[in-house]
Amino acid sequence: MATFIGVWKGKSVDEVHAWYSRLADLSAKNKKAAKIPNPLSPKFLHYYLSAPKKELNFSPPQHLKDSKYTKAALAEHRKIYLSQSQLKDKTKGLSPRISEEGSNGLTQSKTYEMSVHKLKEIPVQQFLSAREMMLILAGGDVPDDLYERIEKNMTPGDADLFTSLRSFQVESKVKVLVKPLGESKYEIKFTEFLAHVWDTYDFDIAKRLKLPNPDYNNQFQVKDPIALTSQMVMTYHVNLKELVKAGKAKPFKVKSDTWIVSDPSITKEATLTYP
């Protein structure tokens, strides 16, 4: 028999499952989600609650492609391709490929194909004081009003990404035309720059988060609302483990379709000096 904690104590698996389903519906209706087409958070939570047997592929919404977090990841990819990155993976860029052409370097134009993937996290630190961060690093919980801080301070699109992907892999694939200019200089043109993201959707059972209560004032008109008079309730992710054990939910892999990167700050031409 499943054992739930918090306001779900004593509730059945079906009752808790139904509450989380209503939470997904509520997240699609909130003021921020209403400002963006195709929010991911309700989609992913509903899919998780269907106990899926396969990966979820989705069309990347504009707020994912335009997010400052996605663009920052792709800007770092650009540096890697141009051998300008301060990271340890400089070997993935153009310089080592040009060096493989021989002692004279590249003597005629050539197209190279490369790919990179890096984990990108939407940091929670930006909403925390130094003291709160220290407590969390020591094993403490996030502040009770963290969700409200996110809703207040993030754009609608980034708030949706925080509650759906949070940390995710950004992968890009490029075709780069390299033209020798003489004197160890090369003109670089990105003739193709593609990207997609992927992740595993799951919950850390050690965490908790205070969230809006879909049963507040019984807005979904259910027979037995949970915590009827509470606008916010503390959710415990360990309860989701019980749903998984009961076969009512399941973690899954999620992957976006590929899109063409068109931001000129990422795809613009460059000049590379090597060696």
Protein backbone atom coordinates (compact mmCIF):
# COMPACT_ATOMS: atom_id res chain seq x y z
CA MET A 1 0.00 0.00 0.00
CA ALA A 2 1.32 3.43 -0.95
CA THR A 3 2.19 5.82 1.85
CA PHE A 4 1.95 9.55 1.13
CA ILE A 5 2.98 12.51 3.28
CA GLY A 6 1.81 16.09 3.60
CA VAL A 7 -1.78 16.95 2.72
CA TRP A 8 -1.98 13.66 0.80
CA LYS A 9 -1.52 11.53 3.94
CA GLY A 10 -4.11 8.76 3.95
CA LYS A 11 -5.08 9.38 0.32
CA SER A 12 -5.18 6.63 -2.29
CA VAL A 13 -2.87 6.32 -5.28
CA ASP A 14 -5.70 7.34 -7.60
CA GLU A 15 -6.52 10.43 -5.53
CA VAL A 16 -2.91 11.62 -5.49
CA HIS A 17 -2.47 10.85 -9.18
CA ALA A 18 -5.61 12.86 -9.97
CA TRP A 19 -4.36 15.79 -7.88
CA TYR A 20 -1.09 15.95 -9.85
CA SER A 21 -3.06 15.77 -13.08
CA ARG A 22 -5.07 18.79 -11.95
CA LEU A 23 -1.79 20.52 -11.05
CA ALA A 24 -0.65 20.06 -14.65
CA ASP A 25 -3.95 21.53 -15.86
CA LEU A 26 -3.56 24.46 -13.49
CA SER A 27 -0.01 25.16 -14.66
CA ALA A 28 -1.34 25.49 -18.21
CA LYS A 29 -3.85 28.08 -17.02
CA ASN A 30 -1.65 30.31 -14.88
CA LYS A 31 -1.01 33.89 -15.96
CA LYS A 32 2.55 33.32 -17.14
CA ALA A 33 1.82 30.14 -19.10
CA ALA A 34 -1.07 31.91 -20.80
CA LYS A 35 1.42 34.40 -22.27
CA ILE A 36 3.36 31.76 -24.22
CA PRO A 37 2.18 29.27 -26.82
CA ASN A 38 2.89 25.61 -26.17
CA PRO A 39 4.14 25.65 -22.55
CA LEU A 40 6.22 22.58 -21.77
CA SER A 41 5.59 22.21 -18.04
CA PRO A 42 1.99 20.88 -18.23
CA LYS A 43 2.82 18.74 -21.27
CA PHE A 44 5.73 17.03 -19.52
CA LEU A 45 3.91 16.49 -16.22
CA HIS A 46 0.89 14.95 -17.98
CA TYR A 47 3.18 12.65 -19.94
CA TYR A 48 4.99 11.61 -16.75
CA LEU A 49 1.63 10.76 -15.17
CA SER A 50 0.75 8.54 -18.13
CA ALA A 51 3.57 6.15 -17.13
CA PRO A 52 5.04 6.37 -20.65
CA LYS A 53 6.90 3.54 -22.33
CA LYS A 54 8.77 5.65 -24.88
CA GLU A 55 10.68 8.88 -25.33
CA LEU A 56 8.73 12.10 -25.77
CA ASN A 57 9.68 14.08 -28.86
CA PHE A 58 8.40 17.62 -29.09
CA SER A 59 8.52 20.62 -31.36
CA PRO A 60 10.74 23.27 -29.71
CA PRO A 61 8.62 26.30 -28.76
CA GLN A 62 9.96 29.74 -29.57
CA HIS A 63 10.63 30.54 -25.91
CA LEU A 64 13.04 27.60 -25.75
CA LYS A 65 14.92 28.67 -28.89
CA ASP A 66 15.00 32.32 -27.80
CA SER A 67 15.83 31.72 -24.13
CA LYS A 68 18.95 33.46 -22.88
CA TYR A 69 20.01 30.11 -21.38
CA THR A 70 19.76 28.26 -24.70
CA LYS A 71 21.50 31.08 -26.54
CA ALA A 72 24.29 31.20 -23.94
CA ALA A 73 24.89 27.47 -24.46
CA LEU A 74 25.01 27.90 -28.26
CA ALA A 75 27.34 30.88 -27.92
CA GLU A 76 29.72 28.64 -25.98
CA HIS A 77 29.40 26.02 -28.72
CA ARG A 78 30.44 28.67 -31.24
CA LYS A 79 33.58 29.36 -29.21
CA ILE A 80 34.39 25.66 -29.14
CA TYR A 81 33.99 25.39 -32.92
CA LEU A 82 36.24 28.42 -33.40
CA SER A 83 38.80 27.05 -30.90
CA GLN A 84 38.19 30.09 -28.69
CA SER A 85 36.75 28.26 -25.70
CA GLN A 86 38.43 28.37 -22.33
CA LEU A 87 37.04 24.90 -21.62
CA LYS A 88 39.12 21.74 -21.79
CA ASP A 89 37.53 20.56 -25.05
CA LYS A 90 39.45 22.86 -27.41
CA THR A 91 40.28 19.71 -29.41
CA LYS A 92 36.71 19.74 -30.74
CA GLY A 93 37.24 22.96 -32.68
CA LEU A 94 38.69 23.94 -36.04
CA SER A 95 42.33 24.42 -35.02
CA PRO A 96 43.15 20.72 -34.54
CA ARG A 97 41.37 19.91 -37.80
CA ILE A 98 43.42 22.46 -39.68
CA SER A 99 46.60 21.10 -38.09
CA GLU A 100 45.74 17.66 -39.44
CA GLU A 101 45.98 19.07 -42.98
CA GLY A 102 49.78 19.09 -42.75
CA SER A 103 52.61 21.46 -41.98
CA ASN A 104 51.30 24.07 -44.41
CA GLY A 105 47.82 24.04 -42.91
CA LEU A 106 44.78 24.29 -45.17
CA THR A 107 45.65 25.38 -48.69
CA GLN A 108 42.16 25.40 -50.24
CA SER A 109 38.60 25.88 -49.03
CA LYS A 110 37.13 22.97 -47.15
CA THR A 111 33.90 22.24 -45.25
CA TYR A 112 34.10 20.59 -41.83
CA GLU A 113 31.23 18.98 -39.92
CA MET A 114 31.30 19.12 -36.13
CA SER A 115 28.98 18.61 -33.17
CA VAL A 116 28.97 19.55 -29.49
CA HIS A 117 26.63 18.92 -26.58
CA LYS A 118 26.80 20.55 -23.16
CA LEU A 119 24.65 20.51 -20.06
CA LYS A 120 22.88 23.83 -19.46
CA GLU A 121 21.29 24.55 -16.09
CA ILE A 122 18.90 27.33 -15.21
CA PRO A 123 20.47 28.29 -11.89
CA VAL A 124 18.36 28.51 -8.77
CA GLN A 125 21.08 30.59 -7.09
CA GLN A 126 19.80 33.75 -8.71
CA PHE A 127 16.74 33.62 -6.44
CA LEU A 128 18.59 32.84 -3.21
CA SER A 129 20.52 34.81 -0.65
CA ALA A 130 24.04 33.70 0.22
CA ARG A 131 22.78 32.30 3.52
CA GLU A 132 19.99 30.33 1.84
CA MET A 133 22.46 28.90 -0.66
CA MET A 134 24.78 27.80 2.13
CA LEU A 135 21.92 26.05 3.91
CA ILE A 136 20.95 24.20 0.72
CA LEU A 137 24.54 23.12 0.09
CA ALA A 138 24.56 21.77 3.64
CA GLY A 139 21.53 19.60 2.84
CA GLY A 140 18.72 22.01 3.71
CA ASP A 141 15.53 22.67 1.74
CA VAL A 142 14.84 25.48 -0.69
CA PRO A 143 12.87 28.45 0.69
CA ASP A 144 9.12 27.91 0.91
CA ASP A 145 8.47 30.80 -1.48
CA LEU A 146 10.93 29.72 -4.19
CA TYR A 147 8.18 29.06 -6.76
CA GLU A 148 6.72 32.51 -6.11
CA ARG A 149 10.15 34.10 -6.59
CA ILE A 150 10.50 32.29 -9.92
CA GLU A 151 7.05 33.41 -11.06
CA LYS A 152 7.78 37.00 -10.05
CA ASN A 153 11.29 37.41 -11.46
CA MET A 154 11.48 35.20 -14.54
CA THR A 155 10.04 35.79 -17.98
CA PRO A 156 7.06 33.53 -18.74
CA GLY A 157 9.18 31.48 -21.14
CA ASP A 158 12.10 30.96 -18.76
CA ALA A 159 9.74 30.14 -15.87
CA ASP A 160 8.24 27.41 -18.06
CA LEU A 161 11.70 26.04 -18.86
CA PHE A 162 12.66 26.10 -15.18
CA THR A 163 9.64 23.99 -14.21
CA SER A 164 9.94 21.58 -17.15
CA LEU A 165 13.58 21.12 -18.17
CA ARG A 166 15.58 23.03 -15.52
CA SER A 167 18.88 21.41 -16.53
CA PHE A 168 19.13 20.01 -20.02
CA GLN A 169 21.57 19.05 -22.74
CA VAL A 170 21.94 21.48 -25.63
CA GLU A 171 23.39 19.81 -28.72
CA SER A 172 24.43 21.50 -31.95
CA LYS A 173 25.69 20.30 -35.30
CA VAL A 174 27.40 22.56 -37.78
CA LYS A 175 28.90 22.70 -41.23
CA VAL A 176 31.72 25.22 -41.45
CA LEU A 177 33.34 26.45 -44.64
CA VAL A 178 36.98 27.38 -44.04
CA LYS A 179 38.77 29.51 -46.66
CA PRO A 180 42.52 30.21 -46.44
CA LEU A 181 43.35 33.94 -46.56
CA GLY A 182 47.11 33.59 -46.29
CA GLU A 183 49.51 34.42 -43.45
CA SER A 184 47.89 31.74 -41.23
CA LYS A 185 44.47 33.39 -41.40
CA TYR A 186 41.22 31.67 -42.37
CA GLU A 187 37.76 32.97 -43.18
CA ILE A 188 35.08 31.00 -41.33
CA LYS A 189 31.47 30.68 -42.51
CA PHE A 190 28.80 28.61 -40.75
CA THR A 191 26.86 27.24 -43.71
CA GLU A 192 24.65 25.19 -41.37
CA PHE A 193 24.00 25.55 -37.64
CA LEU A 194 21.43 23.16 -36.15
CA ALA A 195 20.42 22.57 -32.54
CA HIS A 196 18.18 20.47 -30.34
CA VAL A 197 17.83 19.77 -26.62
CA TRP A 198 17.32 16.61 -24.62
CA ASP A 199 16.85 15.61 -21.01
CA THR A 200 15.45 12.99 -18.63
CA TYR A 201 12.27 14.15 -16.93
CA ASP A 202 12.24 12.99 -13.32
CA PHE A 203 12.04 14.29 -9.75
CA ASP A 204 14.58 14.27 -6.92
CA ILE A 205 12.70 12.43 -4.18
CA ALA A 206 14.75 14.23 -1.52
CA LYS A 207 13.34 17.60 -2.57
CA ARG A 208 10.18 19.50 -1.79
CA LEU A 209 8.59 22.58 -3.32
CA LYS A 210 5.64 24.74 -2.37
CA LEU A 211 3.26 24.98 -5.34
CA PRO A 212 -0.19 26.38 -6.17
CA ASN A 213 -2.98 24.06 -5.08
CA PRO A 214 -5.33 23.14 -7.95
CA ASP A 215 -7.99 22.21 -5.37
CA TYR A 216 -8.04 25.64 -3.74
CA ASN A 217 -11.69 26.75 -3.61
CA ASN A 218 -12.39 23.57 -5.61
CA GLN A 219 -11.84 25.33 -8.92
CA PHE A 220 -11.93 22.00 -10.81
CA GLN A 221 -15.18 20.96 -9.10
CA VAL A 222 -13.99 17.58 -7.83
CA LYS A 223 -15.84 15.43 -5.32
CA ASP A 224 -13.12 15.36 -2.65
CA PRO A 225 -10.75 18.34 -3.04
CA ILE A 226 -7.42 18.20 -1.23
CA ALA A 227 -6.55 21.08 1.11
CA LEU A 228 -9.59 23.03 -0.06
CA THR A 229 -8.71 26.26 1.80
CA SER A 230 -4.98 26.33 0.99
CA GLN A 231 -3.90 28.37 -2.01
CA MET A 232 -0.35 26.96 -1.82
CA VAL A 233 0.70 23.52 -0.58
CA MET A 234 4.09 22.01 0.12
CA THR A 235 4.66 19.15 -2.31
CA TYR A 236 7.06 16.33 -1.51
CA HIS A 237 8.67 14.60 -4.46
CA VAL A 238 8.89 11.37 -2.45
CA ASN A 239 5.13 11.10 -3.05
CA LEU A 240 5.82 10.80 -6.77
CA LYS A 241 8.03 7.80 -6.04
CA GLU A 242 4.91 6.08 -4.70
CA LEU A 243 3.07 6.83 -7.93
CA VAL A 244 5.95 5.34 -9.92
CA LYS A 245 5.94 2.21 -7.74
CA ALA A 246 2.21 1.88 -8.34
CA GLY A 247 2.68 2.11 -12.11
CA LYS A 248 0.89 5.47 -12.32
CA ALA A 249 3.91 7.55 -13.35
CA LYS A 250 7.31 7.02 -14.90
CA PRO A 251 10.43 9.06 -15.69
CA PHE A 252 11.10 9.44 -19.41
CA LYS A 253 13.55 10.81 -21.91
CA VAL A 254 12.53 13.97 -23.71
CA LYS A 255 14.03 15.30 -26.93
CA SER A 256 13.18 18.30 -29.06
CA ASP A 257 13.07 18.35 -32.83
CA THR A 258 16.04 20.02 -34.48
CA TRP A 259 15.83 23.70 -35.37
CA ILE A 260 17.93 26.02 -37.51
CA VAL A 261 19.90 28.52 -35.44
CA SER A 262 19.57 31.94 -37.04
CA ASP A 263 20.84 34.33 -34.37
CA PRO A 264 23.60 36.30 -36.15
CA SER A 265 25.60 36.65 -32.95
CA ILE A 266 26.02 32.86 -33.03
CA THR A 267 26.21 32.20 -36.78
CA LYS A 268 28.13 35.25 -38.03
CA GLU A 269 31.35 34.89 -40.00
CA ALA A 270 34.69 34.96 -38.24
CA THR A 271 38.42 35.01 -38.92
CA LEU A 272 40.61 32.34 -37.37
CA THR A 273 44.37 32.67 -36.97
CA TYR A 274 46.23 29.37 -36.80
CA PRO A 275 48.76 28.56 -35.63
